[in-house]
């Protein structure tokens, strides 16, 4: 009887692995969702009027996985499908996950 009870009890290591798999799956889903939000891909860039606000906006964007602050690693101009965009490589200070944010500069839309 004791052997049957031991066989039914899940090992703590098995439970930990299952939890880790669930956390990885959740992180992957959050990253996919973040790619669909504005700034998450070249197809959906964040729109700004001047380039001087890009790094501030990038730093102010929370990490989609843990809501931590982002550190700018690189900021460069790119041409994607004939459109001039800014690509900002960032890394979360809390969880360490890298991410790319995309921006499009539209200039001042107001008439003087």
PDB file of N, CA and C in Angstrom:
ATOM      1  N   UNK A   1       0.827  -1.197   0.000  1.00  0.00           N
ATOM      2  CA  UNK A   1       0.000   0.000   0.000  1.00  0.00           C
ATOM      3  C   UNK A   1       0.867   1.256   0.000  1.00  0.00           C
ATOM      4  N   UNK A   2       1.943   1.262   0.732  1.00  0.00           N
ATOM      5  CA  UNK A   2       2.832   2.401   0.809  1.00  0.00           C
ATOM      6  C   UNK A   2       3.489   2.686  -0.545  1.00  0.00           C
ATOM      7  N   UNK A   3       3.847   1.659  -1.285  1.00  0.00           N
ATOM      8  CA  UNK A   3       4.465   1.825  -2.599  1.00  0.00           C
ATOM      9  C   UNK A   3       3.484   2.474  -3.570  1.00  0.00           C
ATOM     10  N   UNK A   4       2.224   2.087  -3.534  1.00  0.00           N
ATOM     11  CA  UNK A   4       1.213   2.671  -4.417  1.00  0.00           C
ATOM     12  C   UNK A   4       1.027   4.154  -4.119  1.00  0.00           C
ATOM     13  N   UNK A   5       1.067   4.546  -2.848  1.00  0.00           N
ATOM     14  CA  UNK A   5       0.921   5.949  -2.482  1.00  0.00           C
ATOM     15  C   UNK A   5       2.116   6.759  -2.958  1.00  0.00           C
ATOM     16  N   UNK A   6       3.304   6.194  -2.862  1.00  0.00           N
ATOM     17  CA  UNK A   6       4.505   6.892  -3.307  1.00  0.00           C
ATOM     18  C   UNK A   6       4.484   7.091  -4.819  1.00  0.00           C
ATOM     19  N   UNK A   7       3.968   6.144  -5.550  1.00  0.00           N
ATOM     20  CA  UNK A   7       3.920   6.243  -7.003  1.00  0.00           C
ATOM     21  C   UNK A   7       2.962   7.352  -7.451  1.00  0.00           C
ATOM     22  N   UNK A   8       1.945   7.615  -6.678  1.00  0.00           N
ATOM     23  CA  UNK A   8       0.956   8.635  -7.034  1.00  0.00           C
ATOM     24  C   UNK A   8       1.444  10.047  -6.755  1.00  0.00           C
ATOM     25  N   UNK A   9       2.303  10.219  -5.775  1.00  0.00           N
ATOM     26  CA  UNK A   9       2.775  11.563  -5.410  1.00  0.00           C
ATOM     27  C   UNK A   9       3.753  12.066  -6.479  1.00  0.00           C
ATOM     28  N   UNK A  10       3.471  13.228  -7.086  1.00  0.00           N
ATOM     29  CA  UNK A  10       4.386  13.753  -8.097  1.00  0.00           C
ATOM     30  C   UNK A  10       5.681  14.232  -7.446  1.00  0.00           C
ATOM     31  N   UNK A  11       6.757  14.056  -8.158  1.00  0.00           N
ATOM     32  CA  UNK A  11       8.050  14.506  -7.658  1.00  0.00           C
ATOM     33  C   UNK A  11       8.110  16.026  -7.741  1.00  0.00           C
ATOM     34  N   UNK A  12       8.775  16.612  -6.777  1.00  0.00           N
ATOM     35  CA  UNK A  12       8.843  18.076  -6.763  1.00  0.00           C
ATOM     36  C   UNK A  12       9.573  18.593  -7.990  1.00  0.00           C
ATOM     37  N   UNK A  13      10.568  17.855  -8.480  1.00  0.00           N
ATOM     38  CA  UNK A  13      11.307  18.273  -9.667  1.00  0.00           C
ATOM     39  C   UNK A  13      10.393  18.284 -10.898  1.00  0.00           C
ATOM     40  N   UNK A  14       9.498  17.318 -10.987  1.00  0.00           N
ATOM     41  CA  UNK A  14       8.556  17.260 -12.104  1.00  0.00           C
ATOM     42  C   UNK A  14       7.634  18.474 -12.092  1.00  0.00           C
ATOM     43  N   UNK A  15       7.175  18.831 -10.917  1.00  0.00           N
ATOM     44  CA  UNK A  15       6.310  20.008 -10.788  1.00  0.00           C
ATOM     45  C   UNK A  15       7.032  21.291 -11.143  1.00  0.00           C
ATOM     46  N   UNK A  16       8.290  21.388 -10.727  1.00  0.00           N
ATOM     47  CA  UNK A  16       9.077  22.582 -11.047  1.00  0.00           C
ATOM     48  C   UNK A  16       9.296  22.704 -12.548  1.00  0.00           C
ATOM     49  N   UNK A  17       9.587  21.571 -13.196  1.00  0.00           N
ATOM     50  CA  UNK A  17       9.787  21.609 -14.653  1.00  0.00           C
ATOM     51  C   UNK A  17       8.507  22.011 -15.372  1.00  0.00           C
ATOM     52  N   UNK A  18       7.386  21.503 -14.923  1.00  0.00           N
ATOM     53  CA  UNK A  18       6.106  21.867 -15.538  1.00  0.00           C
ATOM     54  C   UNK A  18       5.836  23.361 -15.358  1.00  0.00           C
ATOM     55  N   UNK A  19       6.147  23.888 -14.186  1.00  0.00           N
ATOM     56  CA  UNK A  19       5.956  25.313 -13.936  1.00  0.00           C
ATOM     57  C   UNK A  19       6.888  26.146 -14.819  1.00  0.00           C
ATOM     58  N   UNK A  20       8.135  25.715 -14.966  1.00  0.00           N
ATOM     59  CA  UNK A  20       9.077  26.431 -15.828  1.00  0.00           C
ATOM     60  C   UNK A  20       8.612  26.437 -17.280  1.00  0.00           C
ATOM     61  N   UNK A  21       8.066  25.301 -17.749  1.00  0.00           N
ATOM     62  CA  UNK A  21       7.534  25.245 -19.120  1.00  0.00           C
ATOM     63  C   UNK A  21       6.387  26.232 -19.294  1.00  0.00           C
ATOM     64  N   UNK A  22       5.520  26.311 -18.301  1.00  0.00           N
ATOM     65  CA  UNK A  22       4.393  27.248 -18.362  1.00  0.00           C
ATOM     66  C   UNK A  22       4.887  28.696 -18.382  1.00  0.00           C
ATOM     67  N   UNK A  23       5.907  29.000 -17.583  1.00  0.00           N
ATOM     68  CA  UNK A  23       6.455  30.358 -17.548  1.00  0.00           C
ATOM     69  C   UNK A  23       7.110  30.719 -18.872  1.00  0.00           C
ATOM     70  N   UNK A  24       7.827  29.765 -19.480  1.00  0.00           N
ATOM     71  CA  UNK A  24       8.434  30.027 -20.795  1.00  0.00           C
ATOM     72  C   UNK A  24       7.363  30.249 -21.853  1.00  0.00           C
ATOM     73  N   UNK A  25       6.304  29.468 -21.794  1.00  0.00           N
ATOM     74  CA  UNK A  25       5.209  29.615 -22.752  1.00  0.00           C
ATOM     75  C   UNK A  25       4.537  30.984 -22.575  1.00  0.00           C
ATOM     76  N   UNK A  26       4.309  31.385 -21.342  1.00  0.00           N
ATOM     77  CA  UNK A  26       3.707  32.690 -21.071  1.00  0.00           C
ATOM     78  C   UNK A  26       4.605  33.814 -21.577  1.00  0.00           C
ATOM     79  N   UNK A  27       5.908  33.705 -21.351  1.00  0.00           N
ATOM     80  CA  UNK A  27       6.847  34.725 -21.830  1.00  0.00           C
ATOM     81  C   UNK A  27       6.824  34.803 -23.353  1.00  0.00           C
ATOM     82  N   UNK A  28       6.798  33.658 -24.016  1.00  0.00           N
ATOM     83  CA  UNK A  28       6.743  33.634 -25.483  1.00  0.00           C
ATOM     84  C   UNK A  28       5.466  34.301 -25.996  1.00  0.00           C
ATOM     85  N   UNK A  29       4.334  34.016 -25.351  1.00  0.00           N
ATOM     86  CA  UNK A  29       3.068  34.624 -25.753  1.00  0.00           C
ATOM     87  C   UNK A  29       3.071  36.140 -25.527  1.00  0.00           C
ATOM     88  N   UNK A  30       3.665  36.583 -24.415  1.00  0.00           N
ATOM     89  CA  UNK A  30       3.760  38.021 -24.144  1.00  0.00           C
ATOM     90  C   UNK A  30       4.635  38.711 -25.186  1.00  0.00           C
ATOM     91  N   UNK A  31       5.722  38.048 -25.610  1.00  0.00           N
ATOM     92  CA  UNK A  31       6.586  38.623 -26.637  1.00  0.00           C
ATOM     93  C   UNK A  31       5.854  38.718 -27.971  1.00  0.00           C
ATOM     94  N   UNK A  32       5.072  37.707 -28.313  1.00  0.00           N
ATOM     95  CA  UNK A  32       4.295  37.737 -29.555  1.00  0.00           C
ATOM     96  C   UNK A  32       3.253  38.856 -29.503  1.00  0.00           C
ATOM     97  N   UNK A  33       2.622  39.023 -28.368  1.00  0.00           N
ATOM     98  CA  UNK A  33       1.635  40.090 -28.206  1.00  0.00           C
ATOM     99  C   UNK A  33       2.294  41.459 -28.308  1.00  0.00           C
ATOM    100  N   UNK A  34       3.473  41.614 -27.707  1.00  0.00           N
ATOM    101  CA  UNK A  34       4.195  42.887 -27.763  1.00  0.00           C
ATOM    102  C   UNK A  34       4.578  43.236 -29.194  1.00  0.00           C
ATOM    103  N   UNK A  35       4.862  42.236 -30.014  1.00  0.00           N
ATOM    104  CA  UNK A  35       5.208  42.484 -31.420  1.00  0.00           C
ATOM    105  C   UNK A  35       4.018  43.026 -32.201  1.00  0.00           C
ATOM    106  N   UNK A  36       2.817  42.779 -31.715  1.00  0.00           N
ATOM    107  CA  UNK A  36       1.613  43.270 -32.386  1.00  0.00           C
ATOM    108  C   UNK A  36       1.226  44.677 -31.944  1.00  0.00           C
ATOM    109  N   UNK A  37       1.811  45.156 -30.855  1.00  0.00           N
ATOM    110  CA  UNK A  37       1.511  46.492 -30.341  1.00  0.00           C
ATOM    111  C   UNK A  37       2.295  47.540 -31.130  1.00  0.00           C
ATOM    112  N   UNK A  38       1.870  48.814 -31.061  1.00  0.00           N
ATOM    113  CA  UNK A  38       2.640  49.873 -31.724  1.00  0.00           C
ATOM    114  C   UNK A  38       4.088  49.880 -31.244  1.00  0.00           C
ATOM    115  N   UNK A  39       5.012  49.923 -32.204  1.00  0.00           N
ATOM    116  CA  UNK A  39       6.428  49.924 -31.888  1.00  0.00           C
ATOM    117  C   UNK A  39       7.048  48.546 -31.860  1.00  0.00           C
ATOM    118  N   UNK A  40       6.235  47.514 -31.939  1.00  0.00           N
ATOM    119  CA  UNK A  40       6.733  46.155 -31.834  1.00  0.00           C
ATOM    120  C   UNK A  40       7.284  45.557 -33.113  1.00  0.00           C
ATOM    121  N   UNK A  41       7.018  46.199 -34.243  1.00  0.00           N
ATOM    122  CA  UNK A  41       7.513  45.692 -35.518  1.00  0.00           C
ATOM    123  C   UNK A  41       7.612  46.847 -36.509  1.00  0.00           C
ATOM    124  N   UNK A  42       8.358  46.662 -37.597  1.00  0.00           N
ATOM    125  CA  UNK A  42       8.458  47.723 -38.604  1.00  0.00           C
ATOM    126  C   UNK A  42       7.103  48.052 -39.243  1.00  0.00           C
ATOM    127  N   UNK A  43       6.184  47.111 -39.223  1.00  0.00           N
ATOM    128  CA  UNK A  43       4.848  47.350 -39.778  1.00  0.00           C
ATOM    129  C   UNK A  43       3.979  48.211 -38.873  1.00  0.00           C
ATOM    130  N   UNK A  44       4.336  48.294 -37.597  1.00  0.00           N
ATOM    131  CA  UNK A  44       3.557  49.048 -36.605  1.00  0.00           C
ATOM    132  C   UNK A  44       4.471  49.964 -35.795  1.00  0.00           C
ATOM    133  N   UNK A  45       5.144  50.917 -36.435  1.00  0.00           N
ATOM    134  CA  UNK A  45       6.062  51.777 -35.675  1.00  0.00           C
ATOM    135  C   UNK A  45       5.305  52.783 -34.808  1.00  0.00           C
ATOM    136  N   UNK A  46       5.934  53.190 -33.724  1.00  0.00           N
ATOM    137  CA  UNK A  46       5.425  54.304 -32.931  1.00  0.00           C
ATOM    138  C   UNK A  46       5.700  55.577 -33.725  1.00  0.00           C
ATOM    139  N   UNK A  47       4.763  56.485 -33.765  1.00  0.00           N
ATOM    140  CA  UNK A  47       4.900  57.711 -34.543  1.00  0.00           C
ATOM    141  C   UNK A  47       5.328  58.847 -33.629  1.00  0.00           C
ATOM    142  N   UNK A  48       6.403  59.531 -34.025  1.00  0.00           N
ATOM    143  CA  UNK A  48       6.899  60.686 -33.271  1.00  0.00           C
ATOM    144  C   UNK A  48       7.119  61.831 -34.255  1.00  0.00           C
ATOM    145  N   UNK A  49       7.139  63.065 -33.731  1.00  0.00           N
ATOM    146  CA  UNK A  49       7.333  64.236 -34.592  1.00  0.00           C
ATOM    147  C   UNK A  49       8.798  64.558 -34.819  1.00  0.00           C
ATOM    148  N   UNK A  50       9.642  64.288 -33.817  1.00  0.00           N
ATOM    149  CA  UNK A  50      11.072  64.603 -33.939  1.00  0.00           C
ATOM    150  C   UNK A  50      11.888  63.447 -33.363  1.00  0.00           C
ATOM    151  N   UNK A  51      13.110  63.307 -33.859  1.00  0.00           N
ATOM    152  CA  UNK A  51      13.955  62.202 -33.411  1.00  0.00           C
ATOM    153  C   UNK A  51      14.425  62.351 -31.967  1.00  0.00           C
ATOM    154  N   UNK A  52      14.429  63.569 -31.458  1.00  0.00           N
ATOM    155  CA  UNK A  52      14.942  63.798 -30.104  1.00  0.00           C
ATOM    156  C   UNK A  52      14.087  63.148 -29.013  1.00  0.00           C
ATOM    157  N   UNK A  53      12.874  62.754 -29.316  1.00  0.00           N
ATOM    158  CA  UNK A  53      12.012  62.138 -28.297  1.00  0.00           C
ATOM    159  C   UNK A  53      12.072  60.609 -28.320  1.00  0.00           C
ATOM    160  N   UNK A  54      12.744  60.047 -29.308  1.00  0.00           N
ATOM    161  CA  UNK A  54      12.728  58.591 -29.476  1.00  0.00           C
ATOM    162  C   UNK A  54      13.321  57.866 -28.279  1.00  0.00           C
ATOM    163  N   UNK A  55      14.515  58.257 -27.844  1.00  0.00           N
ATOM    164  CA  UNK A  55      15.143  57.536 -26.741  1.00  0.00           C
ATOM    165  C   UNK A  55      14.369  57.687 -25.436  1.00  0.00           C
ATOM    166  N   UNK A  56      13.787  58.848 -25.207  1.00  0.00           N
ATOM    167  CA  UNK A  56      12.955  59.037 -24.022  1.00  0.00           C
ATOM    168  C   UNK A  56      11.722  58.149 -24.050  1.00  0.00           C
ATOM    169  N   UNK A  57      11.085  58.061 -25.218  1.00  0.00           N
ATOM    170  CA  UNK A  57       9.912  57.191 -25.358  1.00  0.00           C
ATOM    171  C   UNK A  57      10.307  55.724 -25.184  1.00  0.00           C
ATOM    172  N   UNK A  58      11.466  55.348 -25.719  1.00  0.00           N
ATOM    173  CA  UNK A  58      11.916  53.959 -25.593  1.00  0.00           C
ATOM    174  C   UNK A  58      12.166  53.613 -24.126  1.00  0.00           C
ATOM    175  N   UNK A  59      12.828  54.516 -23.394  1.00  0.00           N
ATOM    176  CA  UNK A  59      13.090  54.266 -21.965  1.00  0.00           C
ATOM    177  C   UNK A  59      11.798  54.211 -21.162  1.00  0.00           C
ATOM    178  N   UNK A  60      10.804  54.983 -21.563  1.00  0.00           N
ATOM    179  CA  UNK A  60       9.536  55.042 -20.831  1.00  0.00           C
ATOM    180  C   UNK A  60       8.638  53.838 -21.123  1.00  0.00           C
ATOM    181  N   UNK A  61       8.955  53.078 -22.148  1.00  0.00           N
ATOM    182  CA  UNK A  61       8.157  51.897 -22.492  1.00  0.00           C
ATOM    183  C   UNK A  61       8.504  50.773 -21.524  1.00  0.00           C
ATOM    184  N   UNK A  62       7.520  50.187 -20.864  1.00  0.00           N
ATOM    185  CA  UNK A  62       7.833  49.091 -19.941  1.00  0.00           C
ATOM    186  C   UNK A  62       8.112  47.792 -20.685  1.00  0.00           C
ATOM    187  N   UNK A  63       8.873  46.927 -20.064  1.00  0.00           N
ATOM    188  CA  UNK A  63       9.133  45.598 -20.608  1.00  0.00           C
ATOM    189  C   UNK A  63       7.803  44.845 -20.700  1.00  0.00           C
ATOM    190  N   UNK A  64       7.511  44.215 -21.837  1.00  0.00           N
ATOM    191  CA  UNK A  64       6.241  43.503 -21.957  1.00  0.00           C
ATOM    192  C   UNK A  64       6.173  42.232 -21.107  1.00  0.00           C
ATOM    193  N   UNK A  65       7.307  41.755 -20.632  1.00  0.00           N
ATOM    194  CA  UNK A  65       7.308  40.528 -19.837  1.00  0.00           C
ATOM    195  C   UNK A  65       7.172  40.791 -18.346  1.00  0.00           C
ATOM    196  N   UNK A  66       7.933  41.796 -17.843  1.00  0.00           N
ATOM    197  CA  UNK A  66       7.957  41.996 -16.385  1.00  0.00           C
ATOM    198  C   UNK A  66       7.625  43.437 -15.978  1.00  0.00           C
ATOM    199  N   UNK A  67       7.373  44.314 -16.947  1.00  0.00           N
ATOM    200  CA  UNK A  67       7.075  45.728 -16.713  1.00  0.00           C
ATOM    201  C   UNK A  67       8.274  46.486 -16.160  1.00  0.00           C
ATOM    202  N   UNK A  68       9.475  45.931 -16.316  1.00  0.00           N
ATOM    203  CA  UNK A  68      10.689  46.598 -15.864  1.00  0.00           C
ATOM    204  C   UNK A  68      11.109  47.715 -16.803  1.00  0.00           C
ATOM    205  N   UNK A  69      12.114  48.467 -16.385  1.00  0.00           N
ATOM    206  CA  UNK A  69      12.653  49.565 -17.188  1.00  0.00           C
ATOM    207  C   UNK A  69      13.570  49.016 -18.277  1.00  0.00           C
ATOM    208  N   UNK A  70      13.672  49.773 -19.366  1.00  0.00           N
ATOM    209  CA  UNK A  70      14.498  49.358 -20.489  1.00  0.00           C
ATOM    210  C   UNK A  70      15.749  50.217 -20.597  1.00  0.00           C
ATOM    211  N   UNK A  71      16.849  49.573 -20.996  1.00  0.00           N
ATOM    212  CA  UNK A  71      18.116  50.257 -21.252  1.00  0.00           C
ATOM    213  C   UNK A  71      18.341  50.245 -22.760  1.00  0.00           C
ATOM    214  N   UNK A  72      18.702  51.395 -23.313  1.00  0.00           N
ATOM    215  CA  UNK A  72      18.942  51.491 -24.746  1.00  0.00           C
ATOM    216  C   UNK A  72      20.332  50.940 -25.044  1.00  0.00           C
ATOM    217  N   UNK A  73      20.390  49.999 -25.956  1.00  0.00           N
ATOM    218  CA  UNK A  73      21.651  49.402 -26.381  1.00  0.00           C
ATOM    219  C   UNK A  73      22.142  50.053 -27.669  1.00  0.00           C
ATOM    220  N   UNK A  74      21.213  50.298 -28.596  1.00  0.00           N
ATOM    221  CA  UNK A  74      21.591  50.868 -29.886  1.00  0.00           C
ATOM    222  C   UNK A  74      20.385  51.564 -30.504  1.00  0.00           C
ATOM    223  N   UNK A  75      20.651  52.661 -31.213  1.00  0.00           N
ATOM    224  CA  UNK A  75      19.605  53.443 -31.880  1.00  0.00           C
ATOM    225  C   UNK A  75      20.138  53.763 -33.271  1.00  0.00           C
ATOM    226  N   UNK A  76      19.441  53.290 -34.296  1.00  0.00           N
ATOM    227  CA  UNK A  76      19.931  53.538 -35.655  1.00  0.00           C
ATOM    228  C   UNK A  76      18.784  53.738 -36.624  1.00  0.00           C
ATOM    229  N   UNK A  77      19.095  54.404 -37.727  1.00  0.00           N
ATOM    230  CA  UNK A  77      18.124  54.609 -38.801  1.00  0.00           C
ATOM    231  C   UNK A  77      18.167  53.393 -39.719  1.00  0.00           C
ATOM    232  N   UNK A  78      17.007  52.958 -40.155  1.00  0.00           N
ATOM    233  CA  UNK A  78      16.885  51.814 -41.055  1.00  0.00           C
ATOM    234  C   UNK A  78      15.857  52.141 -42.132  1.00  0.00           C
ATOM    235  N   UNK A  79      16.022  51.565 -43.284  1.00  0.00           N
ATOM    236  CA  UNK A  79      15.015  51.662 -44.338  1.00  0.00           C
ATOM    237  C   UNK A  79      14.407  50.269 -44.478  1.00  0.00           C
ATOM    238  N   UNK A  80      13.092  50.190 -44.226  1.00  0.00           N
ATOM    239  CA  UNK A  80      12.370  48.925 -44.288  1.00  0.00           C
ATOM    240  C   UNK A  80      11.218  49.097 -45.261  1.00  0.00           C
ATOM    241  N   UNK A  81      11.210  48.306 -46.321  1.00  0.00           N
ATOM    242  CA  UNK A  81      10.170  48.388 -47.356  1.00  0.00           C
ATOM    243  C   UNK A  81      10.017  49.806 -47.887  1.00  0.00           C
ATOM    244  N   UNK A  82      11.140  50.484 -48.071  1.00  0.00           N
ATOM    245  CA  UNK A  82      11.123  51.835 -48.627  1.00  0.00           C
ATOM    246  C   UNK A  82      10.768  52.928 -47.632  1.00  0.00           C
ATOM    247  N   UNK A  83      10.528  52.574 -46.370  1.00  0.00           N
ATOM    248  CA  UNK A  83      10.178  53.566 -45.345  1.00  0.00           C
ATOM    249  C   UNK A  83      11.362  53.780 -44.416  1.00  0.00           C
ATOM    250  N   UNK A  84      11.649  55.035 -44.119  1.00  0.00           N
ATOM    251  CA  UNK A  84      12.720  55.369 -43.195  1.00  0.00           C
ATOM    252  C   UNK A  84      12.197  55.246 -41.767  1.00  0.00           C
ATOM    253  N   UNK A  85      12.803  54.354 -40.991  1.00  0.00           N
ATOM    254  CA  UNK A  85      12.379  54.099 -39.622  1.00  0.00           C
ATOM    255  C   UNK A  85      13.578  54.200 -38.696  1.00  0.00           C
ATOM    256  N   UNK A  86      13.310  54.322 -37.406  1.00  0.00           N
ATOM    257  CA  UNK A  86      14.347  54.258 -36.381  1.00  0.00           C
ATOM    258  C   UNK A  86      14.158  52.949 -35.635  1.00  0.00           C
ATOM    259  N   UNK A  87      15.249  52.218 -35.507  1.00  0.00           N
ATOM    260  CA  UNK A  87      15.255  50.951 -34.802  1.00  0.00           C
ATOM    261  C   UNK A  87      16.022  51.147 -33.494  1.00  0.00           C
ATOM    262  N   UNK A  88      15.366  50.858 -32.376  1.00  0.00           N
ATOM    263  CA  UNK A  88      15.994  51.032 -31.068  1.00  0.00           C
ATOM    264  C   UNK A  88      16.061  49.666 -30.383  1.00  0.00           C
ATOM    265  N   UNK A  89      17.307  49.211 -30.177  1.00  0.00           N
ATOM    266  CA  UNK A  89      17.530  47.944 -29.485  1.00  0.00           C
ATOM    267  C   UNK A  89      17.582  48.248 -27.990  1.00  0.00           C
ATOM    268  N   UNK A  90      16.753  47.563 -27.209  1.00  0.00           N
ATOM    269  CA  UNK A  90      16.694  47.782 -25.769  1.00  0.00           C
ATOM    270  C   UNK A  90      16.813  46.445 -25.046  1.00  0.00           C
ATOM    271  N   UNK A  91      17.196  46.532 -23.771  1.00  0.00           N
ATOM    272  CA  UNK A  91      17.270  45.359 -22.913  1.00  0.00           C
ATOM    273  C   UNK A  91      16.619  45.713 -21.585  1.00  0.00           C
ATOM    274  N   UNK A  92      15.815  44.795 -21.069  1.00  0.00           N
ATOM    275  CA  UNK A  92      15.158  45.017 -19.785  1.00  0.00           C
ATOM    276  C   UNK A  92      16.190  44.941 -18.664  1.00  0.00           C
ATOM    277  N   UNK A  93      16.164  45.923 -17.783  1.00  0.00           N
ATOM    278  CA  UNK A  93      17.088  45.951 -16.649  1.00  0.00           C
ATOM    279  C   UNK A  93      16.727  44.911 -15.595  1.00  0.00           C
ATOM    280  N   UNK A  94      15.474  44.463 -15.590  1.00  0.00           N
ATOM    281  CA  UNK A  94      15.036  43.523 -14.567  1.00  0.00           C
ATOM    282  C   UNK A  94      15.187  42.068 -15.018  1.00  0.00           C
ATOM    283  N   UNK A  95      14.644  41.723 -16.196  1.00  0.00           N
ATOM    284  CA  UNK A  95      14.677  40.319 -16.624  1.00  0.00           C
ATOM    285  C   UNK A  95      15.737  40.036 -17.684  1.00  0.00           C
ATOM    286  N   UNK A  96      16.325  41.098 -18.257  1.00  0.00           N
ATOM    287  CA  UNK A  96      17.415  40.924 -19.208  1.00  0.00           C
ATOM    288  C   UNK A  96      17.016  40.548 -20.620  1.00  0.00           C
ATOM    289  N   UNK A  97      15.739  40.551 -20.924  1.00  0.00           N
ATOM    290  CA  UNK A  97      15.264  40.158 -22.252  1.00  0.00           C
ATOM    291  C   UNK A  97      15.469  41.315 -23.230  1.00  0.00           C
ATOM    292  N   UNK A  98      16.111  41.050 -24.378  1.00  0.00           N
ATOM    293  CA  UNK A  98      16.270  42.107 -25.389  1.00  0.00           C
ATOM    294  C   UNK A  98      14.998  42.277 -26.209  1.00  0.00           C
ATOM    295  N   UNK A  99      14.823  43.474 -26.760  1.00  0.00           N
ATOM    296  CA  UNK A  99      13.641  43.786 -27.557  1.00  0.00           C
ATOM    297  C   UNK A  99      14.013  44.887 -28.535  1.00  0.00           C
ATOM    298  N   UNK A 100      13.305  44.948 -29.639  1.00  0.00           N
ATOM    299  CA  UNK A 100      13.504  46.009 -30.613  1.00  0.00           C
ATOM    300  C   UNK A 100      12.236  46.843 -30.681  1.00  0.00           C
ATOM    301  N   UNK A 101      12.389  48.161 -30.587  1.00  0.00           N
ATOM    302  CA  UNK A 101      11.278  49.088 -30.752  1.00  0.00           C
ATOM    303  C   UNK A 101      11.482  49.835 -32.064  1.00  0.00           C
ATOM    304  N   UNK A 102      10.388  50.098 -32.764  1.00  0.00           N
ATOM    305  CA  UNK A 102      10.431  50.771 -34.057  1.00  0.00           C
ATOM    306  C   UNK A 102       9.690  52.095 -33.984  1.00  0.00           C
ATOM    307  N   UNK A 103      10.263  53.125 -34.606  1.00  0.00           N
ATOM    308  CA  UNK A 103       9.678  54.467 -34.619  1.00  0.00           C
ATOM    309  C   UNK A 103       9.674  55.019 -36.042  1.00  0.00           C
ATOM    310  N   UNK A 104       8.683  55.859 -36.317  1.00  0.00           N
ATOM    311  CA  UNK A 104       8.624  56.584 -37.588  1.00  0.00           C
ATOM    312  C   UNK A 104       8.500  58.064 -37.268  1.00  0.00           C
ATOM    313  N   UNK A 105       9.353  58.864 -37.869  1.00  0.00           N
ATOM    314  CA  UNK A 105       9.329  60.317 -37.648  1.00  0.00           C
ATOM    315  C   UNK A 105       8.453  60.933 -38.729  1.00  0.00           C
ATOM    316  N   UNK A 106       7.423  61.672 -38.295  1.00  0.00           N
ATOM    317  CA  UNK A 106       6.493  62.263 -39.256  1.00  0.00           C
ATOM    318  C   UNK A 106       6.689  63.773 -39.375  1.00  0.00           C
ATOM    319  N   UNK A 107       7.491  64.359 -38.535  1.00  0.00           N
ATOM    320  CA  UNK A 107       7.681  65.806 -38.576  1.00  0.00           C
ATOM    321  C   UNK A 107       6.489  66.527 -37.990  1.00  0.00           C
ATOM    322  N   UNK A 108       6.555  67.821 -38.000  1.00  0.00           N
ATOM    323  CA  UNK A 108       5.483  68.643 -37.447  1.00  0.00           C
ATOM    324  C   UNK A 108       4.339  68.686 -38.438  1.00  0.00           C
ATOM    325  N   UNK A 109       3.202  68.132 -38.048  1.00  0.00           N
ATOM    326  CA  UNK A 109       2.033  68.072 -38.915  1.00  0.00           C
ATOM    327  C   UNK A 109       1.230  69.373 -38.895  1.00  0.00           C
ATOM    328  N   UNK A 110       1.552  70.288 -37.961  1.00  0.00           N
ATOM    329  CA  UNK A 110       0.793  71.536 -37.846  1.00  0.00           C
ATOM    330  C   UNK A 110       1.264  72.558 -38.877  1.00  0.00           C
ATOM    331  N   UNK A 111       0.329  73.339 -39.357  1.00  0.00           N
ATOM    332  CA  UNK A 111       0.676  74.425 -40.301  1.00  0.00           C
ATOM    333  C   UNK A 111       1.020  75.675 -39.517  1.00  0.00           C
ATOM    334  N   UNK A 112       2.039  76.430 -39.975  1.00  0.00           N
ATOM    335  CA  UNK A 112       2.429  77.674 -39.289  1.00  0.00           C
ATOM    336  C   UNK A 112       1.770  78.850 -39.930  1.00  0.00           C
TER     337      UNK A 112
END
